[in-house]
Amino acid sequence: MFGKTVFSLMLALVSGSIGGMLFYGLGLPAPWLSGSMVGVTLAVLLRIPCEFPKSWHPGLFVILGLSMGSGVKPETLTRIHQWPISILIIFFTVIFIILATYFYQRHIAG
């Protein structure tokens, strides 16, 4: 069991690294965050077993939140009025995700 977990962990790290390097090479924003997410997502869709140990999840969510939050600077917040359409889209997207998750958990997952 330990070997399978390490293998899945290594596949996740390699997939994320490849995605991050690709996004970095293309000059896309937040390459190591967005590129690694896309890389691992593609690997999972291709049924490649990418998994971190469940006991790591809380710590990884903290690290992910800190890395995303560190990009928000005071000057970003002072310019928020320049993006009303983006903010509105984000607002409705979050509402949709919450409702879709509720529906899935309540009616499909049981």
Protein backbone atom coordinates (compact mmCIF):
# COMPACT_ATOMS: atom_id res chain seq x y z
CA MET A 1 0.00 0.00 0.00
CA PHE A 2 2.84 2.40 0.85
CA GLY A 3 4.45 1.91 -2.57
CA LYS A 4 1.18 2.68 -4.36
CA THR A 5 0.76 5.90 -2.36
CA VAL A 6 4.31 7.04 -3.11
CA PHE A 7 3.84 6.22 -6.81
CA SER A 8 0.57 8.22 -6.96
CA LEU A 9 2.23 11.10 -5.12
CA MET A 10 5.16 11.10 -7.55
CA LEU A 11 2.81 11.05 -10.55
CA ALA A 12 0.92 14.03 -9.12
CA LEU A 13 4.14 15.97 -8.55
CA VAL A 14 5.48 15.17 -12.02
CA SER A 15 2.17 16.07 -13.71
CA GLY A 16 1.99 19.34 -11.79
CA SER A 17 5.61 20.18 -12.54
CA ILE A 18 5.17 19.57 -16.26
CA GLY A 19 2.06 21.76 -16.31
CA GLY A 20 3.85 24.49 -14.37
CA MET A 21 6.88 24.42 -16.65
CA LEU A 22 4.66 24.53 -19.74
CA PHE A 23 2.66 27.51 -18.45
CA TYR A 24 5.90 29.23 -17.37
CA GLY A 25 7.41 28.67 -20.81
CA LEU A 26 4.30 30.11 -22.46
CA GLY A 27 4.47 33.19 -20.21
CA LEU A 28 1.00 32.62 -18.74
CA PRO A 29 0.00 34.23 -15.42
CA ALA A 30 0.53 32.28 -12.18
CA PRO A 31 2.21 29.44 -14.09
CA TRP A 32 3.15 27.27 -11.13
CA LEU A 33 -0.35 27.48 -9.66
CA SER A 34 -2.55 27.32 -12.75
CA GLY A 35 -0.19 25.19 -14.82
CA SER A 36 0.16 22.56 -12.13
CA MET A 37 -3.63 22.45 -11.64
CA VAL A 38 -4.15 21.94 -15.37
CA GLY A 39 -1.37 19.35 -15.54
CA VAL A 40 -2.77 17.25 -12.70
CA THR A 41 -6.33 17.66 -13.99
CA LEU A 42 -5.30 16.35 -17.41
CA ALA A 43 -3.44 13.45 -15.81
CA VAL A 44 -6.49 12.50 -13.74
CA LEU A 45 -8.76 12.75 -16.79
CA LEU A 46 -6.36 10.36 -18.53
CA ARG A 47 -6.87 8.03 -15.54
CA ILE A 48 -3.32 8.45 -14.26
CA PRO A 49 -3.45 7.85 -10.49
CA CYS A 50 -2.44 11.21 -8.98
CA GLU A 51 -3.14 11.38 -5.29
CA PHE A 52 -1.74 12.92 -2.14
CA PRO A 53 -2.22 11.15 1.19
CA LYS A 54 -5.53 12.21 2.75
CA SER A 55 -3.76 13.27 5.95
CA TRP A 56 -1.88 15.93 3.94
CA HIS A 57 -5.05 17.62 2.61
CA PRO A 58 -5.61 20.18 5.43
CA GLY A 59 -2.03 21.41 5.26
CA LEU A 60 -2.07 21.53 1.47
CA PHE A 61 -5.25 23.62 1.49
CA VAL A 62 -3.56 26.09 3.85
CA ILE A 63 -0.52 26.33 1.56
CA LEU A 64 -2.74 26.73 -1.51
CA GLY A 65 -4.79 29.46 0.18
CA LEU A 66 -1.66 31.31 1.28
CA SER A 67 -0.15 31.16 -2.19
CA MET A 68 -3.33 32.51 -3.79
CA GLY A 69 -3.87 35.15 -1.10
CA SER A 70 -0.29 36.40 -1.30
CA GLY A 71 -1.08 37.75 -4.77
CA VAL A 72 -3.63 40.19 -3.35
CA LYS A 73 -1.86 43.44 -2.49
CA PRO A 74 -3.34 46.69 -1.14
CA GLU A 75 -3.00 48.31 -4.57
CA THR A 76 -5.04 45.43 -6.02
CA LEU A 77 -7.91 46.26 -3.70
CA THR A 78 -7.73 49.98 -4.53
CA ARG A 79 -8.17 49.12 -8.24
CA ILE A 80 -11.09 46.71 -7.74
CA HIS A 81 -13.53 49.30 -9.13
CA GLN A 82 -11.87 48.83 -12.54
CA TRP A 83 -13.21 45.27 -12.86
CA PRO A 84 -16.96 45.39 -12.16
CA ILE A 85 -17.86 42.79 -14.79
CA SER A 86 -15.18 40.37 -13.60
CA ILE A 87 -16.28 40.75 -9.98
CA LEU A 88 -19.91 40.18 -10.99
CA ILE A 89 -18.98 37.05 -12.96
CA ILE A 90 -16.97 35.71 -10.01
CA PHE A 91 -19.88 36.40 -7.65
CA PHE A 92 -22.38 34.47 -9.77
CA THR A 93 -19.88 31.70 -10.46
CA VAL A 94 -19.35 31.15 -6.74
CA ILE A 95 -23.12 31.07 -6.16
CA PHE A 96 -23.52 28.56 -9.01
CA ILE A 97 -20.73 26.34 -7.65
CA ILE A 98 -22.26 26.37 -4.16
CA LEU A 99 -25.71 25.44 -5.51
CA ALA A 100 -24.33 22.77 -7.86
CA THR A 101 -22.30 21.23 -5.05
CA TYR A 102 -25.34 21.25 -2.76
CA PHE A 103 -27.47 19.60 -5.46
CA TYR A 104 -24.82 16.97 -6.15
CA GLN A 105 -24.25 16.17 -2.48
CA ARG A 106 -27.97 16.12 -1.67
CA HIS A 107 -29.40 14.29 -4.67
CA ILE A 108 -26.62 12.31 -6.34
CA ALA A 109 -24.00 11.43 -3.73
CA GLY A 110 -26.67 10.87 -1.08
